[in-house]
Amino acid sequence: MSVGKFVAGFLVGGAVGGILGILLAPQSGEETRGLISEKSQELYNDTEESLKELQCKANTVIDDIQQKGDELLAKIQDVIKEKTCS
Protein backbone atom coordinates (compact mmCIF):
# COMPACT_ATOMS: atom_id res chain seq x y z
CA MET A 1 0.00 0.00 0.00
CA SER A 2 1.38 3.40 -0.89
CA VAL A 3 1.87 6.15 1.68
CA GLY A 4 -0.59 8.41 -0.15
CA LYS A 5 -3.37 5.84 -0.03
CA PHE A 6 -2.71 5.19 3.64
CA VAL A 7 -2.81 8.89 4.51
CA ALA A 8 -5.98 9.42 2.48
CA GLY A 9 -7.68 6.43 4.14
CA PHE A 10 -6.56 7.57 7.56
CA LEU A 11 -7.91 11.08 7.03
CA VAL A 12 -11.23 9.93 5.58
CA GLY A 13 -11.69 7.36 8.34
CA GLY A 14 -10.88 9.92 10.99
CA ALA A 15 -13.29 12.43 9.50
CA VAL A 16 -16.15 9.94 9.21
CA GLY A 17 -15.56 8.60 12.72
CA GLY A 18 -15.36 12.07 14.17
CA ILE A 19 -18.53 13.25 12.47
CA LEU A 20 -20.48 10.16 13.51
CA GLY A 21 -19.26 10.52 17.08
CA ILE A 22 -20.30 14.15 17.23
CA LEU A 23 -23.70 13.59 15.62
CA LEU A 24 -24.58 10.65 17.86
CA ALA A 25 -23.48 12.36 21.11
CA PRO A 26 -26.28 13.63 23.40
CA GLN A 27 -25.57 17.38 23.23
CA SER A 28 -27.36 20.55 22.29
CA GLY A 29 -27.25 21.83 18.72
CA GLU A 30 -25.01 24.74 19.69
CA GLU A 31 -22.50 22.44 21.40
CA THR A 32 -22.59 20.06 18.44
CA ARG A 33 -21.95 22.88 15.96
CA GLY A 34 -19.05 24.07 18.11
CA LEU A 35 -17.57 20.57 18.16
CA ILE A 36 -18.03 20.18 14.41
CA SER A 37 -16.28 23.49 13.85
CA GLU A 38 -13.42 22.54 16.19
CA LYS A 39 -12.99 19.07 14.68
CA SER A 40 -13.12 20.49 11.16
CA GLN A 41 -10.30 22.87 12.00
CA GLU A 42 -8.28 20.03 13.57
CA LEU A 43 -8.83 17.87 10.49
CA TYR A 44 -7.78 20.75 8.23
CA ASN A 45 -4.59 21.28 10.24
CA ASP A 46 -3.79 17.55 10.29
CA THR A 47 -4.41 17.31 6.55
CA GLU A 48 -2.20 20.31 5.89
CA GLU A 49 0.64 18.78 7.95
CA SER A 50 0.26 15.42 6.21
CA LEU A 51 0.32 17.06 2.79
CA LYS A 52 3.46 19.01 3.68
CA GLU A 53 5.18 15.81 4.83
CA LEU A 54 4.06 14.00 1.70
CA GLN A 55 5.30 16.87 -0.51
CA CYS A 56 8.66 16.81 1.26
CA LYS A 57 9.00 13.05 0.74
CA ALA A 58 7.94 13.39 -2.91
CA ASN A 59 10.55 16.11 -3.47
CA THR A 60 13.22 13.86 -1.97
CA VAL A 61 12.23 10.98 -4.25
CA ILE A 62 12.12 13.25 -7.30
CA ASP A 63 15.56 14.67 -6.51
CA ASP A 64 16.94 11.15 -6.10
CA ILE A 65 15.44 10.00 -9.40
CA GLN A 66 16.78 13.07 -11.18
CA GLN A 67 20.27 12.50 -9.76
CA LYS A 68 20.24 8.84 -10.83
CA GLY A 69 18.97 9.86 -14.26
CA ASP A 70 21.83 12.35 -14.63
CA GLU A 71 24.33 9.68 -13.59
CA LEU A 72 22.86 7.22 -16.10
CA LEU A 73 22.97 9.83 -18.85
CA ALA A 74 26.63 10.54 -18.10
CA LYS A 75 27.43 6.81 -18.25
CA ILE A 76 25.60 6.45 -21.57
CA GLN A 77 27.47 9.43 -23.00
CA ASP A 78 30.78 7.90 -21.87
CA VAL A 79 29.92 4.59 -23.55
CA ILE A 80 28.97 6.41 -26.76
CA LYS A 81 32.26 8.36 -26.72
CA GLU A 82 34.23 5.14 -26.22
CA LYS A 83 32.43 3.44 -29.12
CA THR A 84 32.89 6.36 -31.52
CA CYS A 85 36.54 6.95 -30.60
CA SER A 86 37.55 3.26 -30.92
C-alpha atoms as a PDB file:
ATOM      1  CA  MET A   1       0.000   0.000   0.000  1.00  0.00           C
ATOM      2  CA  SER A   2       1.376   3.404  -0.886  1.00  0.00           C
ATOM      3  CA  VAL A   3       1.868   6.152   1.678  1.00  0.00           C
ATOM      4  CA  GLY A   4      -0.587   8.410  -0.153  1.00  0.00           C
ATOM      5  CA  LYS A   5      -3.373   5.843  -0.032  1.00  0.00           C
ATOM      6  CA  PHE A   6      -2.711   5.188   3.641  1.00  0.00           C
ATOM      7  CA  VAL A   7      -2.807   8.893   4.512  1.00  0.00           C
ATOM      8  CA  ALA A   8      -5.980   9.418   2.485  1.00  0.00           C
ATOM      9  CA  GLY A   9      -7.678   6.434   4.142  1.00  0.00           C
ATOM     10  CA  PHE A  10      -6.555   7.574   7.560  1.00  0.00           C
ATOM     11  CA  LEU A  11      -7.912  11.084   7.027  1.00  0.00           C
ATOM     12  CA  VAL A  12     -11.232   9.929   5.576  1.00  0.00           C
ATOM     13  CA  GLY A  13     -11.691   7.358   8.341  1.00  0.00           C
ATOM     14  CA  GLY A  14     -10.881   9.922  10.990  1.00  0.00           C
ATOM     15  CA  ALA A  15     -13.291  12.430   9.498  1.00  0.00           C
ATOM     16  CA  VAL A  16     -16.153   9.940   9.209  1.00  0.00           C
ATOM     17  CA  GLY A  17     -15.557   8.600  12.718  1.00  0.00           C
ATOM     18  CA  GLY A  18     -15.362  12.074  14.174  1.00  0.00           C
ATOM     19  CA  ILE A  19     -18.526  13.254  12.465  1.00  0.00           C
ATOM     20  CA  LEU A  20     -20.485  10.163  13.507  1.00  0.00           C
ATOM     21  CA  GLY A  21     -19.259  10.519  17.079  1.00  0.00           C
ATOM     22  CA  ILE A  22     -20.303  14.145  17.233  1.00  0.00           C
ATOM     23  CA  LEU A  23     -23.700  13.593  15.616  1.00  0.00           C
ATOM     24  CA  LEU A  24     -24.578  10.649  17.862  1.00  0.00           C
ATOM     25  CA  ALA A  25     -23.482  12.361  21.108  1.00  0.00           C
ATOM     26  CA  PRO A  26     -26.277  13.626  23.400  1.00  0.00           C
ATOM     27  CA  GLN A  27     -25.568  17.375  23.230  1.00  0.00           C
ATOM     28  CA  SER A  28     -27.363  20.548  22.288  1.00  0.00           C
ATOM     29  CA  GLY A  29     -27.248  21.833  18.716  1.00  0.00           C
ATOM     30  CA  GLU A  30     -25.013  24.745  19.694  1.00  0.00           C
ATOM     31  CA  GLU A  31     -22.505  22.438  21.399  1.00  0.00           C
ATOM     32  CA  THR A  32     -22.589  20.063  18.445  1.00  0.00           C
ATOM     33  CA  ARG A  33     -21.955  22.880  15.964  1.00  0.00           C
ATOM     34  CA  GLY A  34     -19.049  24.073  18.109  1.00  0.00           C
ATOM     35  CA  LEU A  35     -17.569  20.572  18.165  1.00  0.00           C
ATOM     36  CA  ILE A  36     -18.031  20.184  14.410  1.00  0.00           C
ATOM     37  CA  SER A  37     -16.277  23.490  13.846  1.00  0.00           C
ATOM     38  CA  GLU A  38     -13.424  22.540  16.186  1.00  0.00           C
ATOM     39  CA  LYS A  39     -12.994  19.071  14.685  1.00  0.00           C
ATOM     40  CA  SER A  40     -13.121  20.487  11.159  1.00  0.00           C
ATOM     41  CA  GLN A  41     -10.297  22.869  12.000  1.00  0.00           C
ATOM     42  CA  GLU A  42      -8.277  20.032  13.569  1.00  0.00           C
ATOM     43  CA  LEU A  43      -8.834  17.873  10.487  1.00  0.00           C
ATOM     44  CA  TYR A  44      -7.781  20.753   8.234  1.00  0.00           C
ATOM     45  CA  ASN A  45      -4.593  21.277  10.239  1.00  0.00           C
ATOM     46  CA  ASP A  46      -3.792  17.546  10.290  1.00  0.00           C
ATOM     47  CA  THR A  47      -4.408  17.306   6.550  1.00  0.00           C
ATOM     48  CA  GLU A  48      -2.199  20.309   5.894  1.00  0.00           C
ATOM     49  CA  GLU A  49       0.641  18.785   7.951  1.00  0.00           C
ATOM     50  CA  SER A  50       0.265  15.425   6.215  1.00  0.00           C
ATOM     51  CA  LEU A  51       0.324  17.056   2.792  1.00  0.00           C
ATOM     52  CA  LYS A  52       3.461  19.015   3.685  1.00  0.00           C
ATOM     53  CA  GLU A  53       5.182  15.810   4.834  1.00  0.00           C
ATOM     54  CA  LEU A  54       4.058  13.996   1.697  1.00  0.00           C
ATOM     55  CA  GLN A  55       5.305  16.865  -0.512  1.00  0.00           C
ATOM     56  CA  CYS A  56       8.664  16.809   1.261  1.00  0.00           C
ATOM     57  CA  LYS A  57       8.995  13.049   0.736  1.00  0.00           C
ATOM     58  CA  ALA A  58       7.943  13.386  -2.905  1.00  0.00           C
ATOM     59  CA  ASN A  59      10.546  16.106  -3.469  1.00  0.00           C
ATOM     60  CA  THR A  60      13.220  13.865  -1.969  1.00  0.00           C
ATOM     61  CA  VAL A  61      12.232  10.983  -4.248  1.00  0.00           C
ATOM     62  CA  ILE A  62      12.122  13.253  -7.303  1.00  0.00           C
ATOM     63  CA  ASP A  63      15.560  14.668  -6.509  1.00  0.00           C
ATOM     64  CA  ASP A  64      16.944  11.148  -6.101  1.00  0.00           C
ATOM     65  CA  ILE A  65      15.437  10.005  -9.400  1.00  0.00           C
ATOM     66  CA  GLN A  66      16.778  13.069 -11.177  1.00  0.00           C
ATOM     67  CA  GLN A  67      20.274  12.496  -9.761  1.00  0.00           C
ATOM     68  CA  LYS A  68      20.238   8.844 -10.831  1.00  0.00           C
ATOM     69  CA  GLY A  69      18.974   9.857 -14.260  1.00  0.00           C
ATOM     70  CA  ASP A  70      21.825  12.351 -14.626  1.00  0.00           C
ATOM     71  CA  GLU A  71      24.329   9.675 -13.587  1.00  0.00           C
ATOM     72  CA  LEU A  72      22.863   7.219 -16.098  1.00  0.00           C
ATOM     73  CA  LEU A  73      22.970   9.832 -18.852  1.00  0.00           C
ATOM     74  CA  ALA A  74      26.631  10.535 -18.102  1.00  0.00           C
ATOM     75  CA  LYS A  75      27.434   6.806 -18.254  1.00  0.00           C
ATOM     76  CA  ILE A  76      25.597   6.449 -21.569  1.00  0.00           C
ATOM     77  CA  GLN A  77      27.470   9.428 -23.000  1.00  0.00           C
ATOM     78  CA  ASP A  78      30.781   7.900 -21.865  1.00  0.00           C
ATOM     79  CA  VAL A  79      29.923   4.593 -23.550  1.00  0.00           C
ATOM     80  CA  ILE A  80      28.969   6.408 -26.760  1.00  0.00           C
ATOM     81  CA  LYS A  81      32.255   8.363 -26.715  1.00  0.00           C
ATOM     82  CA  GLU A  82      34.228   5.138 -26.219  1.00  0.00           C
ATOM     83  CA  LYS A  83      32.428   3.445 -29.117  1.00  0.00           C
ATOM     84  CA  THR A  84      32.889   6.362 -31.522  1.00  0.00           C
ATOM     85  CA  CYS A  85      36.543   6.947 -30.604  1.00  0.00           C
ATOM     86  CA  SER A  86      37.545   3.263 -30.923  1.00  0.00           C
END
